[in-house]
N, C-alpha and C. Protein backbone atom coordinates (compact mmCIF):
# COMPACT_ATOMS: atom_id res chain seq x y z
N MET A 1 0.82 -1.19 0.00
CA MET A 1 0.00 0.00 0.00
C MET A 1 0.87 1.26 0.00
N LYS A 2 1.93 1.26 0.82
CA LYS A 2 2.81 2.42 0.89
C LYS A 2 3.48 2.66 -0.46
N THR A 3 3.88 1.57 -1.13
CA THR A 3 4.50 1.69 -2.44
C THR A 3 3.52 2.26 -3.45
N GLN A 4 2.25 1.82 -3.39
CA GLN A 4 1.24 2.34 -4.30
C GLN A 4 1.02 3.83 -4.08
N SER A 5 1.00 4.26 -2.82
CA SER A 5 0.82 5.68 -2.53
C SER A 5 2.00 6.49 -3.04
N LEU A 6 3.19 5.97 -2.87
CA LEU A 6 4.39 6.66 -3.35
C LEU A 6 4.37 6.75 -4.87
N ILE A 7 3.98 5.68 -5.53
CA ILE A 7 3.90 5.69 -7.00
C ILE A 7 2.86 6.70 -7.45
N ALA A 8 1.70 6.73 -6.78
CA ALA A 8 0.65 7.69 -7.14
C ALA A 8 1.15 9.12 -6.94
N ALA A 9 1.87 9.37 -5.86
CA ALA A 9 2.41 10.71 -5.60
C ALA A 9 3.42 11.10 -6.67
N LEU A 10 4.25 10.16 -7.07
CA LEU A 10 5.24 10.45 -8.10
C LEU A 10 4.59 10.71 -9.45
N ILE A 11 3.54 9.95 -9.76
CA ILE A 11 2.83 10.17 -11.03
C ILE A 11 2.20 11.55 -11.04
N LEU A 12 1.53 11.92 -9.93
CA LEU A 12 0.91 13.24 -9.86
C LEU A 12 1.97 14.33 -9.93
N ALA A 13 3.06 14.17 -9.21
CA ALA A 13 4.12 15.18 -9.22
C ALA A 13 4.75 15.30 -10.60
N THR A 14 4.97 14.18 -11.27
CA THR A 14 5.56 14.20 -12.60
C THR A 14 4.64 14.89 -13.59
N ALA A 15 3.36 14.58 -13.50
CA ALA A 15 2.39 15.17 -14.43
C ALA A 15 2.28 16.67 -14.27
N LEU A 16 2.56 17.15 -13.07
CA LEU A 16 2.37 18.56 -12.79
C LEU A 16 3.66 19.35 -12.67
N SER A 17 4.81 18.70 -12.82
CA SER A 17 6.09 19.35 -12.54
C SER A 17 6.49 20.42 -13.54
N ALA A 18 5.75 20.55 -14.61
CA ALA A 18 6.09 21.57 -15.60
C ALA A 18 5.82 22.97 -15.09
N CYS A 19 5.08 23.08 -14.00
CA CYS A 19 4.73 24.40 -13.47
C CYS A 19 5.89 24.95 -12.65
N ALA A 20 6.31 26.16 -12.95
CA ALA A 20 7.36 26.82 -12.15
C ALA A 20 6.73 27.38 -10.89
N THR A 21 7.51 27.47 -9.83
CA THR A 21 6.98 28.03 -8.59
C THR A 21 7.85 29.18 -8.14
N HIS A 22 7.20 30.10 -7.49
CA HIS A 22 7.88 31.22 -6.87
C HIS A 22 7.12 31.48 -5.58
N ASP A 23 7.73 31.15 -4.46
CA ASP A 23 7.03 31.27 -3.19
C ASP A 23 6.78 32.72 -2.83
N VAL A 24 5.59 32.97 -2.35
CA VAL A 24 5.20 34.29 -1.88
C VAL A 24 4.96 34.14 -0.39
N HIS A 25 5.71 34.86 0.40
CA HIS A 25 5.64 34.70 1.85
C HIS A 25 4.67 35.68 2.50
N SER A 26 4.29 36.71 1.82
CA SER A 26 3.38 37.69 2.39
C SER A 26 1.98 37.51 1.84
N PRO A 27 0.96 37.32 2.71
CA PRO A 27 -0.40 37.15 2.22
C PRO A 27 -0.93 38.39 1.53
N SER A 28 -0.31 39.53 1.71
CA SER A 28 -0.80 40.76 1.09
C SER A 28 -0.33 40.91 -0.36
N VAL A 29 0.61 40.06 -0.78
CA VAL A 29 1.11 40.12 -2.15
C VAL A 29 0.07 39.50 -3.08
N ALA A 30 -0.30 40.22 -4.11
CA ALA A 30 -1.28 39.70 -5.07
C ALA A 30 -0.60 38.64 -5.95
N LEU A 31 -1.10 37.42 -5.90
CA LEU A 31 -0.55 36.35 -6.70
C LEU A 31 -1.19 36.38 -8.08
N GLN A 32 -0.40 36.27 -9.11
CA GLN A 32 -0.92 36.21 -10.46
C GLN A 32 -0.16 35.13 -11.21
N GLY A 33 -0.78 34.01 -11.38
CA GLY A 33 -0.15 32.90 -12.07
C GLY A 33 -1.20 31.90 -12.49
N LYS A 34 -0.78 30.69 -12.74
CA LYS A 34 -1.69 29.64 -13.18
C LYS A 34 -2.74 29.30 -12.13
N CYS A 35 -2.45 29.54 -10.88
CA CYS A 35 -3.41 29.25 -9.81
C CYS A 35 -4.43 30.36 -9.62
N ASP A 36 -4.34 31.43 -10.40
CA ASP A 36 -5.22 32.59 -10.22
C ASP A 36 -6.16 32.84 -11.40
N GLN A 37 -5.98 32.13 -12.50
CA GLN A 37 -6.85 32.30 -13.66
C GLN A 37 -8.18 31.60 -13.41
N LYS A 38 -9.26 32.16 -13.89
CA LYS A 38 -10.60 31.59 -13.68
C LYS A 38 -10.88 30.49 -14.69
N PHE A 39 -11.50 29.42 -14.21
CA PHE A 39 -11.92 28.28 -15.03
C PHE A 39 -13.30 27.85 -14.57
N ASN A 40 -14.03 27.18 -15.45
CA ASN A 40 -15.34 26.66 -15.11
C ASN A 40 -15.18 25.21 -14.67
N TYR A 41 -15.66 24.87 -13.49
CA TYR A 41 -15.52 23.53 -12.93
C TYR A 41 -16.86 22.85 -12.79
N SER A 42 -16.83 21.53 -12.98
CA SER A 42 -17.98 20.68 -12.69
C SER A 42 -17.41 19.38 -12.12
N ILE A 43 -16.99 19.45 -10.86
CA ILE A 43 -16.35 18.32 -10.18
C ILE A 43 -17.28 17.83 -9.08
N GLN A 44 -17.59 16.55 -9.13
CA GLN A 44 -18.44 15.94 -8.12
C GLN A 44 -17.63 15.70 -6.84
N SER A 45 -18.32 15.40 -5.76
CA SER A 45 -17.65 15.02 -4.53
C SER A 45 -16.91 13.71 -4.79
N THR A 46 -15.61 13.72 -4.56
CA THR A 46 -14.77 12.57 -4.87
C THR A 46 -13.56 12.56 -3.94
N ARG A 47 -12.67 11.62 -4.14
CA ARG A 47 -11.44 11.56 -3.34
C ARG A 47 -10.56 12.75 -3.68
N PHE A 48 -9.76 13.19 -2.70
CA PHE A 48 -8.90 14.35 -2.90
C PHE A 48 -7.93 14.17 -4.06
N ASP A 49 -7.34 12.99 -4.19
CA ASP A 49 -6.36 12.81 -5.27
C ASP A 49 -7.02 13.01 -6.64
N GLU A 50 -8.26 12.58 -6.80
CA GLU A 50 -8.96 12.75 -8.07
C GLU A 50 -9.31 14.22 -8.30
N THR A 51 -9.78 14.89 -7.26
CA THR A 51 -10.12 16.31 -7.37
C THR A 51 -8.88 17.13 -7.71
N ALA A 52 -7.78 16.90 -6.99
CA ALA A 52 -6.54 17.65 -7.24
C ALA A 52 -6.03 17.41 -8.65
N GLN A 53 -6.14 16.18 -9.12
CA GLN A 53 -5.68 15.87 -10.47
C GLN A 53 -6.53 16.60 -11.51
N GLN A 54 -7.85 16.61 -11.33
CA GLN A 54 -8.73 17.30 -12.27
C GLN A 54 -8.40 18.80 -12.32
N ILE A 55 -8.22 19.41 -11.16
CA ILE A 55 -7.95 20.84 -11.12
C ILE A 55 -6.59 21.16 -11.74
N SER A 56 -5.56 20.42 -11.35
CA SER A 56 -4.23 20.75 -11.84
C SER A 56 -4.03 20.41 -13.31
N HIS A 57 -4.61 19.34 -13.79
CA HIS A 57 -4.46 19.00 -15.21
C HIS A 57 -5.18 20.01 -16.09
N ALA A 58 -6.31 20.50 -15.64
CA ALA A 58 -7.08 21.45 -16.44
C ALA A 58 -6.46 22.85 -16.45
N THR A 59 -5.67 23.17 -15.43
CA THR A 59 -5.23 24.55 -15.25
C THR A 59 -3.72 24.77 -15.29
N GLY A 60 -2.93 23.73 -15.00
CA GLY A 60 -1.49 23.90 -14.91
C GLY A 60 -1.02 24.38 -13.56
N CYS A 61 -1.95 24.52 -12.61
CA CYS A 61 -1.60 24.90 -11.23
C CYS A 61 -1.13 23.65 -10.50
N PHE A 62 0.09 23.66 -10.02
CA PHE A 62 0.69 22.52 -9.33
C PHE A 62 0.10 22.39 -7.92
N ILE A 63 -0.48 21.23 -7.63
CA ILE A 63 -1.01 20.96 -6.29
C ILE A 63 -0.12 19.90 -5.67
N GLN A 64 0.61 20.30 -4.65
CA GLN A 64 1.58 19.42 -4.00
C GLN A 64 0.99 18.89 -2.71
N THR A 65 1.11 17.57 -2.51
CA THR A 65 0.59 16.94 -1.30
C THR A 65 1.25 15.59 -1.12
N ASP A 66 1.13 15.02 0.06
CA ASP A 66 1.58 13.66 0.33
C ASP A 66 0.36 12.77 0.18
N LEU A 67 0.23 12.13 -0.98
CA LEU A 67 -0.95 11.33 -1.26
C LEU A 67 -1.14 10.16 -0.31
N SER A 68 -0.09 9.72 0.36
CA SER A 68 -0.25 8.64 1.33
C SER A 68 -1.10 9.10 2.52
N LYS A 69 -1.19 10.42 2.71
CA LYS A 69 -1.97 10.97 3.81
C LYS A 69 -3.27 11.64 3.35
N THR A 70 -3.33 12.08 2.10
CA THR A 70 -4.46 12.90 1.66
C THR A 70 -5.35 12.28 0.59
N ALA A 71 -4.88 11.28 -0.12
CA ALA A 71 -5.57 10.76 -1.31
C ALA A 71 -7.01 10.35 -1.06
N ASP A 72 -7.27 9.65 0.03
CA ASP A 72 -8.59 9.06 0.26
C ASP A 72 -9.61 10.00 0.91
N ILE A 73 -9.21 11.20 1.24
CA ILE A 73 -10.13 12.12 1.91
C ILE A 73 -11.19 12.60 0.91
N GLN A 74 -12.45 12.49 1.31
CA GLN A 74 -13.57 12.89 0.45
C GLN A 74 -13.68 14.41 0.41
N THR A 75 -13.80 14.96 -0.79
CA THR A 75 -13.88 16.41 -0.96
C THR A 75 -15.31 16.85 -1.28
N GLN A 76 -15.50 18.15 -1.23
CA GLN A 76 -16.78 18.76 -1.59
C GLN A 76 -16.85 18.92 -3.10
N PRO A 77 -18.05 18.96 -3.67
CA PRO A 77 -18.17 19.24 -5.10
C PRO A 77 -17.77 20.68 -5.41
N VAL A 78 -17.30 20.89 -6.61
CA VAL A 78 -16.91 22.23 -7.07
C VAL A 78 -17.64 22.50 -8.38
N GLN A 79 -18.58 23.41 -8.35
CA GLN A 79 -19.40 23.74 -9.51
C GLN A 79 -19.34 25.24 -9.74
N GLY A 80 -18.96 25.66 -10.93
CA GLY A 80 -18.95 27.08 -11.25
C GLY A 80 -17.59 27.58 -11.66
N GLU A 81 -17.48 28.90 -11.76
CA GLU A 81 -16.25 29.54 -12.22
C GLU A 81 -15.42 30.00 -11.02
N PHE A 82 -14.20 29.46 -10.94
CA PHE A 82 -13.28 29.77 -9.85
C PHE A 82 -11.85 29.73 -10.37
N SER A 83 -10.95 30.34 -9.62
CA SER A 83 -9.53 30.12 -9.87
C SER A 83 -9.21 28.74 -9.28
N PRO A 84 -8.11 28.09 -9.69
CA PRO A 84 -7.73 26.82 -9.07
C PRO A 84 -7.56 26.97 -7.55
N ARG A 85 -7.05 28.10 -7.12
CA ARG A 85 -6.88 28.37 -5.69
C ARG A 85 -8.23 28.34 -4.97
N GLU A 86 -9.22 29.02 -5.55
CA GLU A 86 -10.56 29.05 -4.97
C GLU A 86 -11.22 27.66 -5.06
N ALA A 87 -11.00 26.97 -6.17
CA ALA A 87 -11.61 25.65 -6.37
C ALA A 87 -11.09 24.64 -5.37
N ILE A 88 -9.78 24.62 -5.13
CA ILE A 88 -9.23 23.65 -4.19
C ILE A 88 -9.68 23.99 -2.77
N GLN A 89 -9.79 25.27 -2.44
CA GLN A 89 -10.26 25.67 -1.11
C GLN A 89 -11.71 25.22 -0.92
N LYS A 90 -12.53 25.41 -1.94
CA LYS A 90 -13.92 24.98 -1.87
C LYS A 90 -13.99 23.46 -1.71
N ALA A 91 -13.17 22.73 -2.43
CA ALA A 91 -13.17 21.26 -2.39
C ALA A 91 -12.78 20.72 -1.01
N ILE A 92 -11.85 21.38 -0.32
CA ILE A 92 -11.37 20.85 0.96
C ILE A 92 -12.11 21.42 2.17
N THR A 93 -13.07 22.32 1.93
CA THR A 93 -13.84 22.89 3.04
C THR A 93 -14.55 21.76 3.80
N GLY A 94 -14.43 21.78 5.11
CA GLY A 94 -15.07 20.77 5.94
C GLY A 94 -14.28 19.48 6.09
N THR A 95 -13.08 19.44 5.53
CA THR A 95 -12.21 18.25 5.67
C THR A 95 -11.06 18.60 6.61
N SER A 96 -10.21 17.63 6.85
CA SER A 96 -9.02 17.87 7.67
C SER A 96 -7.89 18.51 6.86
N LEU A 97 -8.09 18.66 5.55
CA LEU A 97 -7.06 19.22 4.68
C LEU A 97 -7.02 20.74 4.79
N LYS A 98 -5.82 21.29 4.58
CA LYS A 98 -5.68 22.74 4.58
C LYS A 98 -4.55 23.14 3.65
N ILE A 99 -4.67 24.34 3.14
CA ILE A 99 -3.61 24.93 2.33
C ILE A 99 -2.55 25.45 3.30
N VAL A 100 -1.31 24.99 3.14
CA VAL A 100 -0.25 25.39 4.06
C VAL A 100 0.77 26.30 3.42
N GLN A 101 0.79 26.35 2.09
CA GLN A 101 1.72 27.23 1.39
C GLN A 101 1.16 27.48 0.00
N GLN A 102 1.40 28.69 -0.52
CA GLN A 102 0.92 29.04 -1.85
C GLN A 102 1.94 29.89 -2.58
N SER A 103 1.90 29.78 -3.88
CA SER A 103 2.65 30.69 -4.75
C SER A 103 1.80 30.90 -5.99
N ALA A 104 2.28 31.64 -6.93
CA ALA A 104 1.50 31.95 -8.13
C ALA A 104 1.13 30.71 -8.92
N ASN A 105 1.98 29.68 -8.89
CA ASN A 105 1.76 28.49 -9.70
C ASN A 105 1.71 27.19 -8.90
N ARG A 106 1.64 27.30 -7.57
CA ARG A 106 1.69 26.09 -6.73
C ARG A 106 0.87 26.29 -5.47
N ILE A 107 0.21 25.20 -5.06
CA ILE A 107 -0.53 25.16 -3.80
C ILE A 107 -0.10 23.90 -3.07
N VAL A 108 0.27 24.03 -1.80
CA VAL A 108 0.68 22.89 -0.99
C VAL A 108 -0.45 22.59 -0.01
N ILE A 109 -0.89 21.33 0.00
CA ILE A 109 -1.98 20.87 0.84
C ILE A 109 -1.46 19.83 1.82
N GLN A 110 -1.90 19.95 3.07
CA GLN A 110 -1.61 18.93 4.10
C GLN A 110 -2.90 18.54 4.77
């Protein structure tokens, strides 16, 4: 099981690694990157790994997480027009997941 989780994490990371990151340490800095462009979503309530993959593949916003800890967590549905940042926040609302770091092109979830 641990090997499968590691393989899944590597596949997700490889698929999304084309996104450059630039960490922004101040919440007052306006982020403008792949995680800030608006997209139309129609994502049902599903496992976090599936939701993260749908959002990042459609947008190019890198979503970094340890899938061995987060993959199976059930997310909220995401319907409507949002930035990837807003969409992932909506999806994890009410779960144990949280955004712990952000940049213009990357979101880290724990």
